[in-house]
Amino acid sequence: MTTLYVAGPMTGIQDFNYPAFNAAADTLRAAGYDVLNPVDAEQHNPTPGEPQSWDWYMRHALRMVLDAEGIALLDGWRASKGATLEVQVAQSLGLPVRAYSEWVAA
């Protein structure tokens, strides 16, 4: 089973775009993928319900990228500083990086 990391914009979006991330993760799982969702970093939040710093989230996200075998991109990812960093790391590691819809259609 291929493990995919979901990358996309969060900062400045209502509810940090968590609904879109969770919907994409559910659809990818239904398509047979193992999914690493950065929303799950909240499970490690030392102050539940209170946002942490951008770098706190990125440290969790980049660990997930390192464990992934591919990246599934949500719309708007190019406008996200974090998602572009995740893509850069993934591409440097030779991981396939495709739009979320392409993974589902595959």
PDB file of N, CA and C in Angstrom:
ATOM      1  N   MET A   1       0.853  -1.179   0.000  1.00  0.00           N
ATOM      2  CA  MET A   1       0.000   0.000   0.000  1.00  0.00           C
ATOM      3  C   MET A   1       0.899   1.242   0.000  1.00  0.00           C
ATOM      4  N   THR A   2       0.637   2.147  -0.897  1.00  0.00           N
ATOM      5  CA  THR A   2       1.405   3.382  -1.003  1.00  0.00           C
ATOM      6  C   THR A   2       0.973   4.371   0.079  1.00  0.00           C
ATOM      7  N   THR A   3       1.954   4.991   0.711  1.00  0.00           N
ATOM      8  CA  THR A   3       1.681   5.994   1.734  1.00  0.00           C
ATOM      9  C   THR A   3       1.812   7.380   1.129  1.00  0.00           C
ATOM     10  N   LEU A   4       0.723   8.151   1.178  1.00  0.00           N
ATOM     11  CA  LEU A   4       0.703   9.500   0.635  1.00  0.00           C
ATOM     12  C   LEU A   4       0.578  10.531   1.748  1.00  0.00           C
ATOM     13  N   TYR A   5       1.253  11.642   1.557  1.00  0.00           N
ATOM     14  CA  TYR A   5       1.139  12.798   2.438  1.00  0.00           C
ATOM     15  C   TYR A   5       0.271  13.824   1.723  1.00  0.00           C
ATOM     16  N   VAL A   6      -0.690  14.400   2.421  1.00  0.00           N
ATOM     17  CA  VAL A   6      -1.565  15.419   1.842  1.00  0.00           C
ATOM     18  C   VAL A   6      -0.965  16.796   2.128  1.00  0.00           C
ATOM     19  N   ALA A   7      -0.709  17.562   1.066  1.00  0.00           N
ATOM     20  CA  ALA A   7      -0.132  18.899   1.200  1.00  0.00           C
ATOM     21  C   ALA A   7      -1.079  19.926   0.598  1.00  0.00           C
ATOM     22  N   GLY A   8      -1.166  21.062   1.265  1.00  0.00           N
ATOM     23  CA  GLY A   8      -2.020  22.130   0.755  1.00  0.00           C
ATOM     24  C   GLY A   8      -1.981  23.322   1.682  1.00  0.00           C
ATOM     25  N   PRO A   9      -2.747  24.344   1.349  1.00  0.00           N
ATOM     26  CA  PRO A   9      -2.741  25.564   2.154  1.00  0.00           C
ATOM     27  C   PRO A   9      -3.559  25.418   3.424  1.00  0.00           C
ATOM     28  N   MET A  10      -3.083  26.046   4.492  1.00  0.00           N
ATOM     29  CA  MET A  10      -3.793  26.068   5.775  1.00  0.00           C
ATOM     30  C   MET A  10      -3.895  27.488   6.331  1.00  0.00           C
ATOM     31  N   THR A  11      -2.768  28.176   6.370  1.00  0.00           N
ATOM     32  CA  THR A  11      -2.702  29.498   6.985  1.00  0.00           C
ATOM     33  C   THR A  11      -3.645  30.474   6.275  1.00  0.00           C
ATOM     34  N   GLY A  12      -4.452  31.163   7.065  1.00  0.00           N
ATOM     35  CA  GLY A  12      -5.347  32.170   6.531  1.00  0.00           C
ATOM     36  C   GLY A  12      -6.652  31.627   5.976  1.00  0.00           C
ATOM     37  N   ILE A  13      -6.857  30.331   6.068  1.00  0.00           N
ATOM     38  CA  ILE A  13      -8.081  29.708   5.568  1.00  0.00           C
ATOM     39  C   ILE A  13      -8.945  29.311   6.768  1.00  0.00           C
ATOM     40  N   GLN A  14     -10.249  29.495   6.623  1.00  0.00           N
ATOM     41  CA  GLN A  14     -11.177  29.159   7.712  1.00  0.00           C
ATOM     42  C   GLN A  14     -10.946  27.730   8.179  1.00  0.00           C
ATOM     43  N   ASP A  15     -10.931  27.544   9.491  1.00  0.00           N
ATOM     44  CA  ASP A  15     -10.682  26.237  10.119  1.00  0.00           C
ATOM     45  C   ASP A  15      -9.372  25.614   9.645  1.00  0.00           C
ATOM     46  N   PHE A  16      -8.435  26.472   9.241  1.00  0.00           N
ATOM     47  CA  PHE A  16      -7.119  26.030   8.755  1.00  0.00           C
ATOM     48  C   PHE A  16      -7.225  25.030   7.612  1.00  0.00           C
ATOM     49  N   ASN A  17      -8.355  25.033   6.923  1.00  0.00           N
ATOM     50  CA  ASN A  17      -8.598  24.150   5.784  1.00  0.00           C
ATOM     51  C   ASN A  17      -8.685  22.674   6.203  1.00  0.00           C
ATOM     52  N   TYR A  18      -8.859  22.425   7.484  1.00  0.00           N
ATOM     53  CA  TYR A  18      -8.935  21.045   7.972  1.00  0.00           C
ATOM     54  C   TYR A  18     -10.025  20.232   7.271  1.00  0.00           C
ATOM     55  N   PRO A  19     -11.214  20.801   7.002  1.00  0.00           N
ATOM     56  CA  PRO A  19     -12.233  19.993   6.317  1.00  0.00           C
ATOM     57  C   PRO A  19     -11.761  19.464   4.960  1.00  0.00           C
ATOM     58  N   ALA A  20     -11.043  20.278   4.191  1.00  0.00           N
ATOM     59  CA  ALA A  20     -10.545  19.828   2.884  1.00  0.00           C
ATOM     60  C   ALA A  20      -9.485  18.746   3.042  1.00  0.00           C
ATOM     61  N   PHE A  21      -8.600  18.930   4.021  1.00  0.00           N
ATOM     62  CA  PHE A  21      -7.572  17.916   4.268  1.00  0.00           C
ATOM     63  C   PHE A  21      -8.209  16.590   4.689  1.00  0.00           C
ATOM     64  N   ASN A  22      -9.169  16.650   5.596  1.00  0.00           N
ATOM     65  CA  ASN A  22      -9.812  15.419   6.075  1.00  0.00           C
ATOM     66  C   ASN A  22     -10.618  14.737   4.978  1.00  0.00           C
ATOM     67  N   ALA A  23     -11.292  15.509   4.143  1.00  0.00           N
ATOM     68  CA  ALA A  23     -12.059  14.926   3.034  1.00  0.00           C
ATOM     69  C   ALA A  23     -11.118  14.251   2.043  1.00  0.00           C
ATOM     70  N   ALA A  24     -10.008  14.901   1.726  1.00  0.00           N
ATOM     71  CA  ALA A  24      -9.031  14.310   0.809  1.00  0.00           C
ATOM     72  C   ALA A  24      -8.453  13.024   1.401  1.00  0.00           C
ATOM     73  N   ALA A  25      -8.115  13.055   2.683  1.00  0.00           N
ATOM     74  CA  ALA A  25      -7.565  11.861   3.333  1.00  0.00           C
ATOM     75  C   ALA A  25      -8.562  10.717   3.293  1.00  0.00           C
ATOM     76  N   ASP A  26      -9.825  10.997   3.561  1.00  0.00           N
ATOM     77  CA  ASP A  26     -10.857   9.951   3.522  1.00  0.00           C
ATOM     78  C   ASP A  26     -10.986   9.356   2.124  1.00  0.00           C
ATOM     79  N   THR A  27     -10.987  10.206   1.108  1.00  0.00           N
ATOM     80  CA  THR A  27     -11.122   9.733  -0.277  1.00  0.00           C
ATOM     81  C   THR A  27      -9.907   8.917  -0.695  1.00  0.00           C
ATOM     82  N   LEU A  28      -8.724   9.367  -0.314  1.00  0.00           N
ATOM     83  CA  LEU A  28      -7.509   8.617  -0.648  1.00  0.00           C
ATOM     84  C   LEU A  28      -7.485   7.262   0.052  1.00  0.00           C
ATOM     85  N   ARG A  29      -7.913   7.228   1.300  1.00  0.00           N
ATOM     86  CA  ARG A  29      -7.979   5.936   2.012  1.00  0.00           C
ATOM     87  C   ARG A  29      -8.968   4.998   1.338  1.00  0.00           C
ATOM     88  N   ALA A  30     -10.109   5.535   0.916  1.00  0.00           N
ATOM     89  CA  ALA A  30     -11.115   4.717   0.224  1.00  0.00           C
ATOM     90  C   ALA A  30     -10.574   4.188  -1.106  1.00  0.00           C
ATOM     91  N   ALA A  31      -9.615   4.915  -1.695  1.00  0.00           N
ATOM     92  CA  ALA A  31      -8.997   4.484  -2.945  1.00  0.00           C
ATOM     93  C   ALA A  31      -7.855   3.494  -2.706  1.00  0.00           C
ATOM     94  N   GLY A  32      -7.577   3.181  -1.431  1.00  0.00           N
ATOM     95  CA  GLY A  32      -6.586   2.164  -1.112  1.00  0.00           C
ATOM     96  C   GLY A  32      -5.230   2.669  -0.655  1.00  0.00           C
ATOM     97  N   TYR A  33      -5.099   3.948  -0.423  1.00  0.00           N
ATOM     98  CA  TYR A  33      -3.826   4.500   0.038  1.00  0.00           C
ATOM     99  C   TYR A  33      -3.776   4.579   1.562  1.00  0.00           C
ATOM    100  N   ASP A  34      -2.573   4.485   2.090  1.00  0.00           N
ATOM    101  CA  ASP A  34      -2.313   4.825   3.484  1.00  0.00           C
ATOM    102  C   ASP A  34      -2.031   6.326   3.462  1.00  0.00           C
ATOM    103  N   VAL A  35      -2.612   7.088   4.371  1.00  0.00           N
ATOM    104  CA  VAL A  35      -2.534   8.547   4.288  1.00  0.00           C
ATOM    105  C   VAL A  35      -1.918   9.154   5.541  1.00  0.00           C
ATOM    106  N   LEU A  36      -0.999  10.088   5.313  1.00  0.00           N
ATOM    107  CA  LEU A  36      -0.431  10.912   6.374  1.00  0.00           C
ATOM    108  C   LEU A  36      -1.024  12.298   6.199  1.00  0.00           C
ATOM    109  N   ASN A  37      -1.796  12.727   7.183  1.00  0.00           N
ATOM    110  CA  ASN A  37      -2.539  13.975   7.118  1.00  0.00           C
ATOM    111  C   ASN A  37      -1.960  14.950   8.138  1.00  0.00           C
ATOM    112  N   PRO A  38      -1.473  16.121   7.719  1.00  0.00           N
ATOM    113  CA  PRO A  38      -0.888  17.049   8.682  1.00  0.00           C
ATOM    114  C   PRO A  38      -1.874  17.519   9.750  1.00  0.00           C
ATOM    115  N   VAL A  39      -3.147  17.387   9.506  1.00  0.00           N
ATOM    116  CA  VAL A  39      -4.157  17.731  10.515  1.00  0.00           C
ATOM    117  C   VAL A  39      -3.949  16.885  11.771  1.00  0.00           C
ATOM    118  N   ASP A  40      -3.425  15.688  11.584  1.00  0.00           N
ATOM    119  CA  ASP A  40      -3.229  14.779  12.709  1.00  0.00           C
ATOM    120  C   ASP A  40      -2.170  15.271  13.699  1.00  0.00           C
ATOM    121  N   ALA A  41      -1.408  16.298  13.329  1.00  0.00           N
ATOM    122  CA  ALA A  41      -0.434  16.865  14.272  1.00  0.00           C
ATOM    123  C   ALA A  41      -1.135  17.399  15.511  1.00  0.00           C
ATOM    124  N   GLU A  42      -2.414  17.745  15.372  1.00  0.00           N
ATOM    125  CA  GLU A  42      -3.170  18.252  16.522  1.00  0.00           C
ATOM    126  C   GLU A  42      -3.208  17.244  17.665  1.00  0.00           C
ATOM    127  N   GLN A  43      -3.063  15.967  17.363  1.00  0.00           N
ATOM    128  CA  GLN A  43      -3.045  14.941  18.408  1.00  0.00           C
ATOM    129  C   GLN A  43      -1.867  15.142  19.360  1.00  0.00           C
ATOM    130  N   HIS A  44      -0.839  15.854  18.886  1.00  0.00           N
ATOM    131  CA  HIS A  44       0.371  16.078  19.683  1.00  0.00           C
ATOM    132  C   HIS A  44       0.434  17.492  20.251  1.00  0.00           C
ATOM    133  N   ASN A  45      -0.610  18.261  20.048  1.00  0.00           N
ATOM    134  CA  ASN A  45      -0.639  19.649  20.505  1.00  0.00           C
ATOM    135  C   ASN A  45      -0.595  19.685  22.039  1.00  0.00           C
ATOM    136  N   PRO A  46       0.433  20.333  22.607  1.00  0.00           N
ATOM    137  CA  PRO A  46       0.547  20.374  24.071  1.00  0.00           C
ATOM    138  C   PRO A  46      -0.521  21.239  24.741  1.00  0.00           C
ATOM    139  N   THR A  47      -1.183  22.092  23.962  1.00  0.00           N
ATOM    140  CA  THR A  47      -2.264  22.929  24.488  1.00  0.00           C
ATOM    141  C   THR A  47      -3.474  22.767  23.570  1.00  0.00           C
ATOM    142  N   PRO A  48      -4.200  21.650  23.692  1.00  0.00           N
ATOM    143  CA  PRO A  48      -5.325  21.368  22.791  1.00  0.00           C
ATOM    144  C   PRO A  48      -6.288  22.546  22.660  1.00  0.00           C
ATOM    145  N   GLY A  49      -6.665  22.801  21.410  1.00  0.00           N
ATOM    146  CA  GLY A  49      -7.587  23.893  21.139  1.00  0.00           C
ATOM    147  C   GLY A  49      -6.903  25.230  20.909  1.00  0.00           C
ATOM    148  N   GLU A  50      -5.624  25.325  21.224  1.00  0.00           N
ATOM    149  CA  GLU A  50      -4.853  26.547  20.993  1.00  0.00           C
ATOM    150  C   GLU A  50      -3.819  26.272  19.905  1.00  0.00           C
ATOM    151  N   PRO A  51      -3.821  27.085  18.853  1.00  0.00           N
ATOM    152  CA  PRO A  51      -2.848  26.861  17.773  1.00  0.00           C
ATOM    153  C   PRO A  51      -1.409  27.021  18.260  1.00  0.00           C
ATOM    154  N   GLN A  52      -0.532  26.258  17.668  1.00  0.00           N
ATOM    155  CA  GLN A  52       0.901  26.370  17.922  1.00  0.00           C
ATOM    156  C   GLN A  52       1.516  27.259  16.843  1.00  0.00           C
ATOM    157  N   SER A  53       2.813  27.449  16.908  1.00  0.00           N
ATOM    158  CA  SER A  53       3.517  28.266  15.920  1.00  0.00           C
ATOM    159  C   SER A  53       3.624  27.523  14.587  1.00  0.00           C
ATOM    160  N   TRP A  54       3.847  28.290  13.529  1.00  0.00           N
ATOM    161  CA  TRP A  54       3.990  27.713  12.192  1.00  0.00           C
ATOM    162  C   TRP A  54       5.114  26.678  12.183  1.00  0.00           C
ATOM    163  N   ASP A  55       6.248  26.998  12.799  1.00  0.00           N
ATOM    164  CA  ASP A  55       7.366  26.058  12.781  1.00  0.00           C
ATOM    165  C   ASP A  55       7.061  24.783  13.562  1.00  0.00           C
ATOM    166  N   TRP A  56       6.232  24.852  14.594  1.00  0.00           N
ATOM    167  CA  TRP A  56       5.834  23.634  15.320  1.00  0.00           C
ATOM    168  C   TRP A  56       5.099  22.691  14.374  1.00  0.00           C
ATOM    169  N   TYR A  57       4.142  23.249  13.623  1.00  0.00           N
ATOM    170  CA  TYR A  57       3.388  22.428  12.674  1.00  0.00           C
ATOM    171  C   TYR A  57       4.284  21.900  11.563  1.00  0.00           C
ATOM    172  N   MET A  58       5.195  22.740  11.071  1.00  0.00           N
ATOM    173  CA  MET A  58       6.074  22.300   9.981  1.00  0.00           C
ATOM    174  C   MET A  58       7.009  21.178  10.415  1.00  0.00           C
ATOM    175  N   ARG A  59       7.471  21.199  11.632  1.00  0.00           N
ATOM    176  CA  ARG A  59       8.331  20.104  12.110  1.00  0.00           C
ATOM    177  C   ARG A  59       7.574  18.769  12.064  1.00  0.00           C
ATOM    178  N   HIS A  60       6.305  18.805  12.463  1.00  0.00           N
ATOM    179  CA  HIS A  60       5.484  17.588  12.386  1.00  0.00           C
ATOM    180  C   HIS A  60       5.230  17.208  10.929  1.00  0.00           C
ATOM    181  N   ALA A  61       4.910  18.201  10.110  1.00  0.00           N
ATOM    182  CA  ALA A  61       4.595  17.944   8.707  1.00  0.00           C
ATOM    183  C   ALA A  61       5.793  17.359   7.966  1.00  0.00           C
ATOM    184  N   LEU A  62       6.963  17.912   8.180  1.00  0.00           N
ATOM    185  CA  LEU A  62       8.142  17.423   7.460  1.00  0.00           C
ATOM    186  C   LEU A  62       8.515  16.010   7.884  1.00  0.00           C
ATOM    187  N   ARG A  63       8.259  15.655   9.124  1.00  0.00           N
ATOM    188  CA  ARG A  63       8.475  14.260   9.536  1.00  0.00           C
ATOM    189  C   ARG A  63       7.563  13.324   8.739  1.00  0.00           C
ATOM    190  N   MET A  64       6.322  13.776   8.527  1.00  0.00           N
ATOM    191  CA  MET A  64       5.384  12.966   7.749  1.00  0.00           C
ATOM    192  C   MET A  64       5.834  12.867   6.291  1.00  0.00           C
ATOM    193  N   VAL A  65       6.325  13.947   5.729  1.00  0.00           N
ATOM    194  CA  VAL A  65       6.823  13.926   4.346  1.00  0.00           C
ATOM    195  C   VAL A  65       7.938  12.892   4.225  1.00  0.00           C
ATOM    196  N   LEU A  66       8.822  12.841   5.201  1.00  0.00           N
ATOM    197  CA  LEU A  66       9.927  11.882   5.172  1.00  0.00           C
ATOM    198  C   LEU A  66       9.440  10.439   5.224  1.00  0.00           C
ATOM    199  N   ASP A  67       8.282  10.214   5.825  1.00  0.00           N
ATOM    200  CA  ASP A  67       7.722   8.865   5.924  1.00  0.00           C
ATOM    201  C   ASP A  67       6.830   8.499   4.734  1.00  0.00           C
ATOM    202  N   ALA A  68       6.549   9.466   3.872  1.00  0.00           N
ATOM    203  CA  ALA A  68       5.639   9.242   2.746  1.00  0.00           C
ATOM    204  C   ALA A  68       6.361   8.648   1.540  1.00  0.00           C
ATOM    205  N   GLU A  69       5.553   8.065   0.651  1.00  0.00           N
ATOM    206  CA  GLU A  69       6.065   7.545  -0.622  1.00  0.00           C
ATOM    207  C   GLU A  69       5.595   8.395  -1.794  1.00  0.00           C
ATOM    208  N   GLY A  70       4.762   9.385  -1.487  1.00  0.00           N
ATOM    209  CA  GLY A  70       4.263  10.292  -2.509  1.00  0.00           C
ATOM    210  C   GLY A  70       3.515  11.430  -1.848  1.00  0.00           C
ATOM    211  N   ILE A  71       3.292  12.507  -2.614  1.00  0.00           N
ATOM    212  CA  ILE A  71       2.605  13.690  -2.104  1.00  0.00           C
ATOM    213  C   ILE A  71       1.355  13.930  -2.941  1.00  0.00           C
ATOM    214  N   ALA A  72       0.225  14.124  -2.259  1.00  0.00           N
ATOM    215  CA  ALA A  72      -1.049  14.455  -2.899  1.00  0.00           C
ATOM    216  C   ALA A  72      -1.342  15.926  -2.612  1.00  0.00           C
ATOM    217  N   LEU A  73      -1.418  16.728  -3.655  1.00  0.00           N
ATOM    218  CA  LEU A  73      -1.559  18.175  -3.510  1.00  0.00           C
ATOM    219  C   LEU A  73      -3.004  18.634  -3.591  1.00  0.00           C
ATOM    220  N   LEU A  74      -3.389  19.467  -2.641  1.00  0.00           N
ATOM    221  CA  LEU A  74      -4.705  20.100  -2.669  1.00  0.00           C
ATOM    222  C   LEU A  74      -4.613  21.394  -3.490  1.00  0.00           C
ATOM    223  N   ASP A  75      -5.748  21.844  -4.010  1.00  0.00           N
ATOM    224  CA  ASP A  75      -5.795  23.110  -4.735  1.00  0.00           C
ATOM    225  C   ASP A  75      -5.257  24.227  -3.858  1.00  0.00           C
ATOM    226  N   GLY A  76      -4.547  25.146  -4.480  1.00  0.00           N
ATOM    227  CA  GLY A  76      -4.031  26.302  -3.773  1.00  0.00           C
ATOM    228  C   GLY A  76      -2.683  26.093  -3.103  1.00  0.00           C
ATOM    229  N   TRP A  77      -2.077  24.936  -3.286  1.00  0.00           N
ATOM    230  CA  TRP A  77      -0.838  24.623  -2.571  1.00  0.00           C
ATOM    231  C   TRP A  77       0.295  25.579  -2.932  1.00  0.00           C
ATOM    232  N   ARG A  78       0.305  26.089  -4.161  1.00  0.00           N
ATOM    233  CA  ARG A  78       1.395  26.983  -4.591  1.00  0.00           C
ATOM    234  C   ARG A  78       1.432  28.288  -3.786  1.00  0.00           C
ATOM    235  N   ALA A  79       0.310  28.687  -3.219  1.00  0.00           N
ATOM    236  CA  ALA A  79       0.242  29.921  -2.435  1.00  0.00           C
ATOM    237  C   ALA A  79       0.634  29.698  -0.978  1.00  0.00           C
ATOM    238  N   SER A  80       0.988  28.475  -0.623  1.00  0.00           N
ATOM    239  CA  SER A  80       1.305  28.113   0.754  1.00  0.00           C
ATOM    240  C   SER A  80       2.807  27.954   0.939  1.00  0.00           C
ATOM    241  N   LYS A  81       3.369  28.732   1.845  1.00  0.00           N
ATOM    242  CA  LYS A  81       4.796  28.624   2.159  1.00  0.00           C
ATOM    243  C   LYS A  81       5.135  27.219   2.651  1.00  0.00           C
ATOM    244  N   GLY A  82       4.283  26.661   3.513  1.00  0.00           N
ATOM    245  CA  GLY A  82       4.533  25.327   4.046  1.00  0.00           C
ATOM    246  C   GLY A  82       4.429  24.239   2.987  1.00  0.00           C
ATOM    247  N   ALA A  83       3.384  24.291   2.172  1.00  0.00           N
ATOM    248  CA  ALA A  83       3.202  23.263   1.142  1.00  0.00           C
ATOM    249  C   ALA A  83       4.326  23.320   0.108  1.00  0.00           C
ATOM    250  N   THR A  84       4.775  24.520  -0.253  1.00  0.00           N
ATOM    251  CA  THR A  84       5.871  24.590  -1.218  1.00  0.00           C
ATOM    252  C   THR A  84       7.157  24.016  -0.623  1.00  0.00           C
ATOM    253  N   LEU A  85       7.370  24.202   0.661  1.00  0.00           N
ATOM    254  CA  LEU A  85       8.529  23.594   1.325  1.00  0.00           C
ATOM    255  C   LEU A  85       8.392  22.067   1.327  1.00  0.00           C
ATOM    256  N   GLU A  86       7.210  21.577   1.646  1.00  0.00           N
ATOM    257  CA  GLU A  86       6.976  20.126   1.641  1.00  0.00           C
ATOM    258  C   GLU A  86       7.226  19.536   0.257  1.00  0.00           C
ATOM    259  N   VAL A  87       6.762  20.224  -0.775  1.00  0.00           N
ATOM    260  CA  VAL A  87       6.972  19.755  -2.153  1.00  0.00           C
ATOM    261  C   VAL A  87       8.455  19.768  -2.492  1.00  0.00           C
ATOM    262  N   GLN A  88       9.151  20.815  -2.099  1.00  0.00           N
ATOM    263  CA  GLN A  88      10.581  20.901  -2.375  1.00  0.00           C
ATOM    264  C   GLN A  88      11.331  19.733  -1.730  1.00  0.00           C
ATOM    265  N   VAL A  89      11.011  19.425  -0.490  1.00  0.00           N
ATOM    266  CA  VAL A  89      11.653  18.302   0.201  1.00  0.00           C
ATOM    267  C   VAL A  89      11.316  16.995  -0.512  1.00  0.00           C
ATOM    268  N   ALA A  90      10.041  16.799  -0.821  1.00  0.00           N
ATOM    269  CA  ALA A  90       9.624  15.559  -1.488  1.00  0.00           C
ATOM    270  C   ALA A  90      10.319  15.386  -2.836  1.00  0.00           C
ATOM    271  N   GLN A  91      10.372  16.442  -3.630  1.00  0.00           N
ATOM    272  CA  GLN A  91      11.030  16.357  -4.930  1.00  0.00           C
ATOM    273  C   GLN A  91      12.519  16.089  -4.773  1.00  0.00           C
ATOM    274  N   SER A  92      13.141  16.678  -3.771  1.00  0.00           N
ATOM    275  CA  SER A  92      14.564  16.435  -3.524  1.00  0.00           C
ATOM    276  C   SER A  92      14.833  14.981  -3.173  1.00  0.00           C
ATOM    277  N   LEU A  93      13.830  14.342  -2.566  1.00  0.00           N
ATOM    278  CA  LEU A  93      13.953  12.929  -2.196  1.00  0.00           C
ATOM    279  C   LEU A  93      13.502  11.993  -3.320  1.00  0.00           C
ATOM    280  N   GLY A  94      13.041  12.555  -4.428  1.00  0.00           N
ATOM    281  CA  GLY A  94      12.606  11.745  -5.561  1.00  0.00           C
ATOM    282  C   GLY A  94      11.217  11.163  -5.415  1.00  0.00           C
ATOM    283  N   LEU A  95      10.409  11.731  -4.519  1.00  0.00           N
ATOM    284  CA  LEU A  95       9.045  11.233  -4.334  1.00  0.00           C
ATOM    285  C   LEU A  95       8.134  11.765  -5.436  1.00  0.00           C
ATOM    286  N   PRO A  96       7.179  10.963  -5.892  1.00  0.00           N
ATOM    287  CA  PRO A  96       6.209  11.481  -6.852  1.00  0.00           C
ATOM    288  C   PRO A  96       5.297  12.507  -6.190  1.00  0.00           C
ATOM    289  N   VAL A  97       5.094  13.604  -6.879  1.00  0.00           N
ATOM    290  CA  VAL A  97       4.257  14.698  -6.387  1.00  0.00           C
ATOM    291  C   VAL A  97       3.207  14.978  -7.455  1.00  0.00           C
ATOM    292  N   ARG A  98       1.935  14.743  -7.096  1.00  0.00           N
ATOM    293  CA  ARG A  98       0.852  14.932  -8.065  1.00  0.00           C
ATOM    294  C   ARG A  98      -0.347  15.557  -7.375  1.00  0.00           C
ATOM    295  N   ALA A  99      -1.210  16.126  -8.188  1.00  0.00           N
ATOM    296  CA  ALA A  99      -2.470  16.661  -7.664  1.00  0.00           C
ATOM    297  C   ALA A  99      -3.249  15.526  -7.012  1.00  0.00           C
ATOM    298  N   TYR A 100      -3.944  15.867  -5.963  1.00  0.00           N
ATOM    299  CA  TYR A 100      -4.781  14.895  -5.243  1.00  0.00           C
ATOM    300  C   TYR A 100      -5.691  14.138  -6.199  1.00  0.00           C
ATOM    301  N   SER A 101      -6.305  14.861  -7.130  1.00  0.00           N
ATOM    302  CA  SER A 101      -7.250  14.226  -8.067  1.00  0.00           C
ATOM    303  C   SER A 101      -6.558  13.194  -8.960  1.00  0.00           C
ATOM    304  N   GLU A 102      -5.301  13.386  -9.267  1.00  0.00           N
ATOM    305  CA  GLU A 102      -4.573  12.416 -10.093  1.00  0.00           C
ATOM    306  C   GLU A 102      -4.328  11.122  -9.339  1.00  0.00           C
ATOM    307  N   TRP A 103      -4.069  11.204  -8.045  1.00  0.00           N
ATOM    308  CA  TRP A 103      -3.887   9.983  -7.242  1.00  0.00           C
ATOM    309  C   TRP A 103      -5.190   9.194  -7.176  1.00  0.00           C
ATOM    310  N   VAL A 104      -6.301   9.886  -7.036  1.00  0.00           N
ATOM    311  CA  VAL A 104      -7.604   9.214  -6.925  1.00  0.00           C
ATOM    312  C   VAL A 104      -7.983   8.563  -8.238  1.00  0.00           C
ATOM    313  N   ALA A 105      -7.640   9.218  -9.355  1.00  0.00           N
ATOM    314  CA  ALA A 105      -7.988   8.704 -10.677  1.00  0.00           C
ATOM    315  C   ALA A 105      -7.064   7.567 -11.116  1.00  0.00           C
ATOM    316  N   ALA A 106      -5.916   7.424 -10.457  1.00  0.00           N
ATOM    317  CA  ALA A 106      -4.933   6.414 -10.864  1.00  0.00           C
ATOM    318  C   ALA A 106      -5.402   5.002 -10.643  1.00  0.00           C
TER     319      ALA A 106
END
